């Protein structure tokens, strides 16, 4: 179901937070890919429509921007699958990484606010380390949260308090979904 260009999330937690939840989502899991094998998915994939806004999950400073739309060299910021992505350092020591973006609207060393547009949903990069020639199967933002240098990943759903609402007062430690959510009228 489409919803006037707004991104919708499909986690039970989002539903409980009052968000409409009709879009695709893959959470922080280990998933089987071939018999007897599994790969980790230490992130939250939030589906949307191509070009929809991606928002900063909290206040912070942009510390890395990669504008390459294809596979990235494996290295400090991942396994070579991210496509266009950016990383924000937050005051509490957490880092947020947003990938598969179509556009990026921030620069390195730029300070960002919680809920600020930082890019748009896209299909850049590839699906995973075993499918390097395959693009993501649907437009989405892949959100990773990590502590310190990025080696210890955190489940984003443990830190997200809900959908961003400009009229709400948040604590410094509150993180929000990196997408615009529609409030459920149910």
Protein backbone atom coordinates (compact mmCIF):
# COMPACT_ATOMS: atom_id res chain seq x y z
CA UNK A 1 0.00 0.00 0.00
CA UNK A 2 1.42 3.41 -0.95
CA UNK A 3 0.88 6.41 1.19
CA UNK A 4 1.28 9.78 -0.49
CA UNK A 5 5.08 9.54 -0.73
CA UNK A 6 5.66 8.96 2.98
CA UNK A 7 7.80 6.06 4.18
CA UNK A 8 6.07 3.47 6.30
CA UNK A 9 7.76 1.04 8.70
CA UNK A 10 6.71 -2.50 9.59
CA UNK A 11 8.09 -3.39 13.00
CA UNK A 12 5.78 -4.31 15.84
CA UNK A 13 7.61 -1.70 17.89
CA UNK A 14 6.73 0.97 15.30
CA UNK A 15 3.10 -0.09 15.41
CA UNK A 16 3.12 0.18 19.20
CA UNK A 17 4.69 3.65 18.86
CA UNK A 18 1.67 4.74 16.83
CA UNK A 19 3.16 4.54 13.33
CA UNK A 20 1.36 3.11 10.34
CA UNK A 21 3.34 0.01 9.41
CA UNK A 22 2.78 -1.14 5.85
CA UNK A 23 6.28 -1.08 4.30
CA UNK A 24 8.99 -3.77 4.18
CA UNK A 25 11.47 -4.17 7.02
CA UNK A 26 14.33 -6.51 7.91
CA UNK A 27 15.56 -6.27 11.47
CA UNK A 28 18.70 -7.04 13.45
CA UNK A 29 18.93 -10.80 12.84
CA UNK A 30 20.88 -13.74 11.59
CA UNK A 31 19.14 -15.07 8.51
CA UNK A 32 19.71 -18.28 6.59
CA UNK A 33 20.80 -17.70 3.02
CA UNK A 34 21.76 -21.17 1.85
CA UNK A 35 21.27 -24.54 3.58
CA UNK A 36 23.63 -24.67 6.54
CA UNK A 37 24.85 -21.07 6.26
CA UNK A 38 23.73 -17.77 7.68
CA UNK A 39 24.86 -14.18 7.52
CA UNK A 40 24.30 -11.49 10.07
CA UNK A 41 22.12 -8.48 9.40
CA UNK A 42 23.20 -6.17 12.20
CA UNK A 43 21.00 -3.30 11.12
CA UNK A 44 17.45 -2.21 10.46
CA UNK A 45 16.20 -1.99 6.84
CA UNK A 46 13.31 0.44 6.42
CA UNK A 47 11.58 0.31 3.07
CA UNK A 48 10.15 3.30 1.31
CA UNK A 49 9.72 4.84 -2.07
CA UNK A 50 12.68 5.82 -4.20
CA UNK A 51 13.67 9.41 -3.34
CA UNK A 52 11.83 9.65 0.02
CA UNK A 53 13.67 11.55 2.77
CA UNK A 54 16.15 9.87 5.13
CA UNK A 55 16.41 11.60 8.51
CA UNK A 56 19.13 11.77 11.14
CA UNK A 57 18.19 9.55 14.10
CA UNK A 58 19.74 11.98 16.61
CA UNK A 59 21.91 15.09 16.92
CA UNK A 60 25.49 14.56 15.78
CA UNK A 61 28.33 15.35 13.42
CA UNK A 62 28.81 13.80 9.97
CA UNK A 63 32.17 11.99 10.00
CA UNK A 64 32.09 10.14 6.67
CA UNK A 65 30.31 10.51 3.31
CA UNK A 66 30.67 8.04 0.42
CA UNK A 67 29.06 9.20 -2.81
CA UNK A 68 30.07 6.17 -4.92
CA UNK A 69 26.91 4.43 -6.10
CA UNK A 70 28.46 1.01 -6.74
CA UNK A 71 30.13 -1.50 -4.43
CA UNK A 72 32.63 0.13 -2.08
CA UNK A 73 36.03 -1.31 -1.27
CA UNK A 74 35.79 -3.38 1.89
CA UNK A 75 37.44 -1.51 4.70
CA UNK A 76 36.76 0.66 7.71
CA UNK A 77 33.11 1.35 6.87
CA UNK A 78 31.88 -2.03 5.84
CA UNK A 79 32.01 -5.02 3.61
CA UNK A 80 31.87 -3.23 0.28
CA UNK A 81 28.08 -3.38 -0.09
CA UNK A 82 26.82 0.01 1.07
CA UNK A 83 26.68 2.09 -2.13
CA UNK A 84 26.12 5.75 -1.24
CA UNK A 85 26.26 6.08 2.55
CA UNK A 86 27.13 8.37 5.42
CA UNK A 87 28.14 8.05 9.07
CA UNK A 88 27.15 10.35 11.94
CA UNK A 89 28.94 10.46 15.31
CA UNK A 90 26.57 11.16 18.22
CA UNK A 91 27.49 12.77 21.57
CA UNK A 92 26.74 9.59 23.54
CA UNK A 93 29.47 7.68 21.67
CA UNK A 94 27.07 5.98 19.26
CA UNK A 95 27.56 6.11 15.49
CA UNK A 96 24.77 5.79 12.95
CA UNK A 97 25.39 4.59 9.39
CA UNK A 98 22.79 5.04 6.62
CA UNK A 99 23.32 3.24 3.33
CA UNK A 100 21.85 2.40 -0.12
CA UNK A 101 21.05 6.14 -0.42
CA UNK A 102 20.13 7.77 -3.72
CA UNK A 103 21.30 11.25 -2.70
CA UNK A 104 23.25 12.65 0.23
CA UNK A 105 22.46 16.18 1.40
CA UNK A 106 25.12 16.66 4.10
CA UNK A 107 28.90 17.06 4.16
CA UNK A 108 31.70 15.79 6.42
CA UNK A 109 32.05 17.88 9.64
CA UNK A 110 28.47 19.17 9.32
CA UNK A 111 26.40 19.21 12.53
CA UNK A 112 22.95 17.68 12.11
CA UNK A 113 19.75 17.75 14.17
CA UNK A 114 17.50 14.85 15.11
CA UNK A 115 14.94 14.52 12.29
CA UNK A 116 16.97 16.59 9.78
CA UNK A 117 16.97 15.39 6.17
CA UNK A 118 20.38 13.89 5.39
CA UNK A 119 19.63 12.10 2.11
CA UNK A 120 17.06 10.12 0.16
CA UNK A 121 16.10 6.45 -0.12
CA UNK A 122 17.78 4.61 -2.97
CA UNK A 123 19.01 1.35 -4.43
CA UNK A 124 22.78 1.88 -4.48
CA UNK A 125 25.35 -0.73 -3.47
CA UNK A 126 24.65 -4.45 -3.46
CA UNK A 127 22.59 -6.92 -1.41
CA UNK A 128 25.33 -8.61 0.52
CA UNK A 129 28.83 -10.07 0.55
CA UNK A 130 27.68 -13.17 -1.38
CA UNK A 131 25.74 -11.23 -4.04
CA UNK A 132 28.13 -8.48 -5.13
CA UNK A 133 26.57 -8.00 -8.54
CA UNK A 134 22.96 -7.73 -7.34
CA UNK A 135 21.47 -4.38 -6.31
CA UNK A 136 19.16 -4.15 -3.29
CA UNK A 137 15.81 -5.73 -4.12
CA UNK A 138 13.67 -2.77 -2.98
CA UNK A 139 14.26 0.92 -2.14
CA UNK A 140 15.24 1.19 1.52
CA UNK A 141 17.62 2.72 4.02
CA UNK A 142 19.88 0.32 5.92
CA UNK A 143 20.50 1.78 9.40
CA UNK A 144 23.37 0.54 11.57
CA UNK A 145 24.08 1.79 15.10
CA UNK A 146 27.44 1.05 16.65
CA UNK A 147 29.45 2.00 19.70
CA UNK A 148 32.78 3.80 19.45
CA UNK A 149 34.80 2.88 16.37
CA UNK A 150 31.93 0.98 14.81
CA UNK A 151 33.05 -2.55 15.62
CA UNK A 152 30.38 -3.23 18.26
CA UNK A 153 26.97 -3.10 16.61
CA UNK A 154 23.79 -2.32 18.52
CA UNK A 155 20.24 -3.32 17.63
CA UNK A 156 18.67 -0.02 16.45
CA UNK A 157 15.24 -1.05 17.75
CA UNK A 158 16.61 -1.05 21.31
CA UNK A 159 17.44 2.67 20.99
CA UNK A 160 14.60 4.03 18.83
CA UNK A 161 11.77 5.66 20.79
CA UNK A 162 9.45 6.16 17.80
CA UNK A 163 8.74 8.30 14.80
CA UNK A 164 10.21 11.81 14.65
CA UNK A 165 7.78 14.51 15.73
CA UNK A 166 9.04 18.12 15.64
CA UNK A 167 6.56 19.11 18.36
CA UNK A 168 7.85 16.47 20.80
CA UNK A 169 10.54 17.11 23.44
CA UNK A 170 13.17 14.35 23.37
CA UNK A 171 15.93 13.40 25.80
CA UNK A 172 19.50 13.58 24.43
CA UNK A 173 19.66 9.77 24.43
CA UNK A 174 16.45 9.33 22.38
CA UNK A 175 16.85 8.02 18.82
CA UNK A 176 14.08 8.16 16.20
CA UNK A 177 13.32 6.22 13.01
CA UNK A 178 15.37 7.56 10.07
CA UNK A 179 12.21 7.90 7.97
CA UNK A 180 8.99 9.88 8.01
CA UNK A 181 6.24 7.83 9.56
CA UNK A 182 2.54 8.37 9.26
CA UNK A 183 0.64 8.37 12.49
CA UNK A 184 -1.97 5.66 12.63
CA UNK A 185 -5.53 6.89 12.99
CA UNK A 186 -6.66 3.57 14.42
